[in-house]
Amino acid sequence: MKRQKRDISQRAYSKGYQQGYHGRSDERCPFQEDSATAREWIKGWQEGHDDNLDGIKTQASQQKVIALR
């Protein structure tokens, strides 16, 4: 049986979260500016960035990303 891929916006959010959590710049967004996927990536980046600043531990952030899948 084939495995169904996650929605592109869900993947964009997850990737953005990971980049934000690890302190990378929001300018590294790989999607076209002002697209729906770019907005999702930025939302994820902002949440990851905030979690990092709030001191959320790596394990908790990984569990959060897994829950998004």
N, C-alpha and C. Protein backbone atom coordinates (compact mmCIF):
# COMPACT_ATOMS: atom_id res chain seq x y z
N MET A 1 0.84 -1.16 0.00
CA MET A 1 0.00 0.00 0.00
C MET A 1 0.90 1.24 0.00
N LYS A 2 0.52 2.21 -0.83
CA LYS A 2 1.29 3.45 -0.90
C LYS A 2 0.98 4.33 0.31
N ARG A 3 2.01 5.00 0.74
CA ARG A 3 1.87 5.92 1.86
C ARG A 3 1.49 7.29 1.32
N GLN A 4 0.48 7.89 1.91
CA GLN A 4 0.02 9.19 1.46
C GLN A 4 0.94 10.28 2.01
N LYS A 5 1.34 11.20 1.13
CA LYS A 5 2.19 12.30 1.56
C LYS A 5 1.38 13.32 2.35
N ARG A 6 2.08 13.98 3.26
CA ARG A 6 1.44 15.05 4.02
C ARG A 6 1.17 16.23 3.09
N ASP A 7 0.23 17.01 3.48
CA ASP A 7 -0.11 18.23 2.76
C ASP A 7 1.13 19.14 2.68
N ILE A 8 1.32 19.81 1.56
CA ILE A 8 2.50 20.68 1.37
C ILE A 8 2.55 21.79 2.41
N SER A 9 1.40 22.32 2.80
CA SER A 9 1.42 23.39 3.80
C SER A 9 1.84 22.86 5.16
N GLN A 10 1.46 21.63 5.46
CA GLN A 10 1.86 20.99 6.71
C GLN A 10 3.38 20.76 6.73
N ARG A 11 3.92 20.31 5.60
CA ARG A 11 5.36 20.10 5.51
C ARG A 11 6.11 21.42 5.60
N ALA A 12 5.58 22.46 4.97
CA ALA A 12 6.22 23.77 5.01
C ALA A 12 6.26 24.29 6.45
N TYR A 13 5.16 24.14 7.17
CA TYR A 13 5.11 24.58 8.57
C TYR A 13 6.14 23.83 9.39
N SER A 14 6.21 22.52 9.21
CA SER A 14 7.14 21.68 9.96
C SER A 14 8.59 22.07 9.69
N LYS A 15 8.91 22.27 8.42
CA LYS A 15 10.29 22.67 8.06
C LYS A 15 10.61 24.05 8.61
N GLY A 16 9.66 24.97 8.54
CA GLY A 16 9.87 26.30 9.09
C GLY A 16 10.08 26.25 10.59
N TYR A 17 9.31 25.41 11.27
CA TYR A 17 9.46 25.26 12.72
C TYR A 17 10.87 24.80 13.06
N GLN A 18 11.34 23.81 12.35
CA GLN A 18 12.68 23.28 12.61
C GLN A 18 13.74 24.35 12.39
N GLN A 19 13.61 25.11 11.32
CA GLN A 19 14.59 26.17 11.03
C GLN A 19 14.57 27.24 12.12
N GLY A 20 13.37 27.64 12.53
CA GLY A 20 13.25 28.66 13.57
C GLY A 20 13.78 28.19 14.91
N TYR A 21 13.50 26.93 15.24
CA TYR A 21 13.95 26.39 16.52
C TYR A 21 15.48 26.34 16.59
N HIS A 22 16.10 26.06 15.45
CA HIS A 22 17.56 25.95 15.43
C HIS A 22 18.26 27.28 15.18
N GLY A 23 17.49 28.37 15.24
CA GLY A 23 18.09 29.70 15.18
C GLY A 23 18.47 30.18 13.79
N ARG A 24 17.93 29.58 12.79
CA ARG A 24 18.25 30.01 11.43
C ARG A 24 17.37 31.21 11.05
N SER A 25 17.83 31.98 10.10
CA SER A 25 17.14 33.20 9.69
C SER A 25 15.84 32.88 8.95
N ASP A 26 14.85 33.74 9.13
CA ASP A 26 13.59 33.57 8.40
C ASP A 26 13.74 33.92 6.91
N GLU A 27 14.87 34.49 6.56
CA GLU A 27 15.13 34.81 5.16
C GLU A 27 15.49 33.57 4.35
N ARG A 28 15.64 32.43 5.03
CA ARG A 28 15.98 31.18 4.34
C ARG A 28 14.76 30.43 3.84
N CYS A 29 13.61 31.08 3.84
CA CYS A 29 12.38 30.44 3.38
C CYS A 29 12.55 30.00 1.93
N PRO A 30 12.35 28.71 1.65
CA PRO A 30 12.58 28.19 0.30
C PRO A 30 11.41 28.39 -0.66
N PHE A 31 10.34 29.00 -0.19
CA PHE A 31 9.15 29.13 -1.03
C PHE A 31 9.02 30.54 -1.59
N GLN A 32 8.27 30.65 -2.68
CA GLN A 32 8.08 31.93 -3.32
C GLN A 32 7.40 32.90 -2.36
N GLU A 33 7.93 34.10 -2.31
CA GLU A 33 7.43 35.12 -1.39
C GLU A 33 5.94 35.35 -1.61
N ASP A 34 5.20 35.54 -0.53
CA ASP A 34 3.76 35.80 -0.52
C ASP A 34 2.89 34.65 -1.03
N SER A 35 3.45 33.45 -1.07
CA SER A 35 2.64 32.29 -1.43
C SER A 35 2.06 31.69 -0.15
N ALA A 36 1.06 30.84 -0.30
CA ALA A 36 0.43 30.20 0.86
C ALA A 36 1.44 29.33 1.60
N THR A 37 2.30 28.63 0.86
CA THR A 37 3.29 27.77 1.52
C THR A 37 4.34 28.60 2.25
N ALA A 38 4.69 29.74 1.69
CA ALA A 38 5.66 30.63 2.37
C ALA A 38 5.06 31.14 3.67
N ARG A 39 3.78 31.48 3.66
CA ARG A 39 3.14 31.95 4.89
C ARG A 39 3.11 30.85 5.95
N GLU A 40 2.86 29.61 5.55
CA GLU A 40 2.88 28.50 6.49
C GLU A 40 4.28 28.27 7.03
N TRP A 41 5.29 28.38 6.16
CA TRP A 41 6.68 28.21 6.59
C TRP A 41 7.02 29.27 7.63
N ILE A 42 6.62 30.52 7.38
CA ILE A 42 6.91 31.62 8.30
C ILE A 42 6.18 31.40 9.63
N LYS A 43 4.94 30.93 9.59
CA LYS A 43 4.22 30.62 10.84
C LYS A 43 4.98 29.59 11.66
N GLY A 44 5.43 28.54 10.99
CA GLY A 44 6.21 27.50 11.66
C GLY A 44 7.52 28.05 12.19
N TRP A 45 8.19 28.85 11.37
CA TRP A 45 9.46 29.45 11.79
C TRP A 45 9.26 30.29 13.06
N GLN A 46 8.20 31.10 13.07
CA GLN A 46 7.95 31.97 14.22
C GLN A 46 7.69 31.15 15.48
N GLU A 47 6.89 30.09 15.36
CA GLU A 47 6.62 29.26 16.53
C GLU A 47 7.89 28.55 17.01
N GLY A 48 8.69 28.04 16.09
CA GLY A 48 9.95 27.40 16.46
C GLY A 48 10.90 28.38 17.11
N HIS A 49 10.98 29.56 16.55
CA HIS A 49 11.84 30.62 17.10
C HIS A 49 11.39 30.98 18.52
N ASP A 50 10.09 31.14 18.71
CA ASP A 50 9.54 31.48 20.03
C ASP A 50 9.82 30.35 21.03
N ASP A 51 9.62 29.10 20.60
CA ASP A 51 9.89 27.96 21.49
C ASP A 51 11.35 27.93 21.91
N ASN A 52 12.24 28.23 20.99
CA ASN A 52 13.66 28.27 21.31
C ASN A 52 13.95 29.35 22.34
N LEU A 53 13.39 30.53 22.14
CA LEU A 53 13.61 31.64 23.07
C LEU A 53 13.00 31.36 24.43
N ASP A 54 11.89 30.61 24.44
CA ASP A 54 11.22 30.27 25.70
C ASP A 54 11.91 29.14 26.44
N GLY A 55 12.92 28.55 25.82
CA GLY A 55 13.68 27.50 26.48
C GLY A 55 13.07 26.11 26.37
N ILE A 56 12.23 25.91 25.38
CA ILE A 56 11.64 24.58 25.17
C ILE A 56 12.79 23.63 24.82
N LYS A 57 12.84 22.51 25.48
CA LYS A 57 13.92 21.53 25.28
C LYS A 57 13.79 20.87 23.91
N THR A 58 14.91 20.37 23.41
CA THR A 58 14.98 19.73 22.10
C THR A 58 14.00 18.58 21.98
N GLN A 59 13.92 17.74 23.00
CA GLN A 59 13.02 16.58 22.94
C GLN A 59 11.57 17.02 22.80
N ALA A 60 11.17 18.04 23.52
CA ALA A 60 9.80 18.54 23.43
C ALA A 60 9.52 19.12 22.05
N SER A 61 10.50 19.80 21.48
CA SER A 61 10.31 20.37 20.14
C SER A 61 10.20 19.27 19.10
N GLN A 62 10.98 18.20 19.27
CA GLN A 62 10.90 17.07 18.33
C GLN A 62 9.55 16.39 18.42
N GLN A 63 9.02 16.25 19.62
CA GLN A 63 7.70 15.66 19.79
C GLN A 63 6.63 16.53 19.13
N LYS A 64 6.81 17.82 19.21
CA LYS A 64 5.87 18.75 18.59
C LYS A 64 5.88 18.59 17.08
N VAL A 65 7.06 18.48 16.50
CA VAL A 65 7.19 18.32 15.05
C VAL A 65 6.58 16.98 14.62
N ILE A 66 6.82 15.93 15.38
CA ILE A 66 6.27 14.61 15.06
C ILE A 66 4.74 14.65 15.10
N ALA A 67 4.18 15.38 16.06
CA ALA A 67 2.73 15.49 16.19
C ALA A 67 2.12 16.19 14.97
N LEU A 68 2.90 17.03 14.30
CA LEU A 68 2.40 17.73 13.13
C LEU A 68 2.26 16.81 11.93
N ARG A 69 2.98 15.70 11.96
CA ARG A 69 2.97 14.79 10.80
C ARG A 69 1.72 14.03 10.68
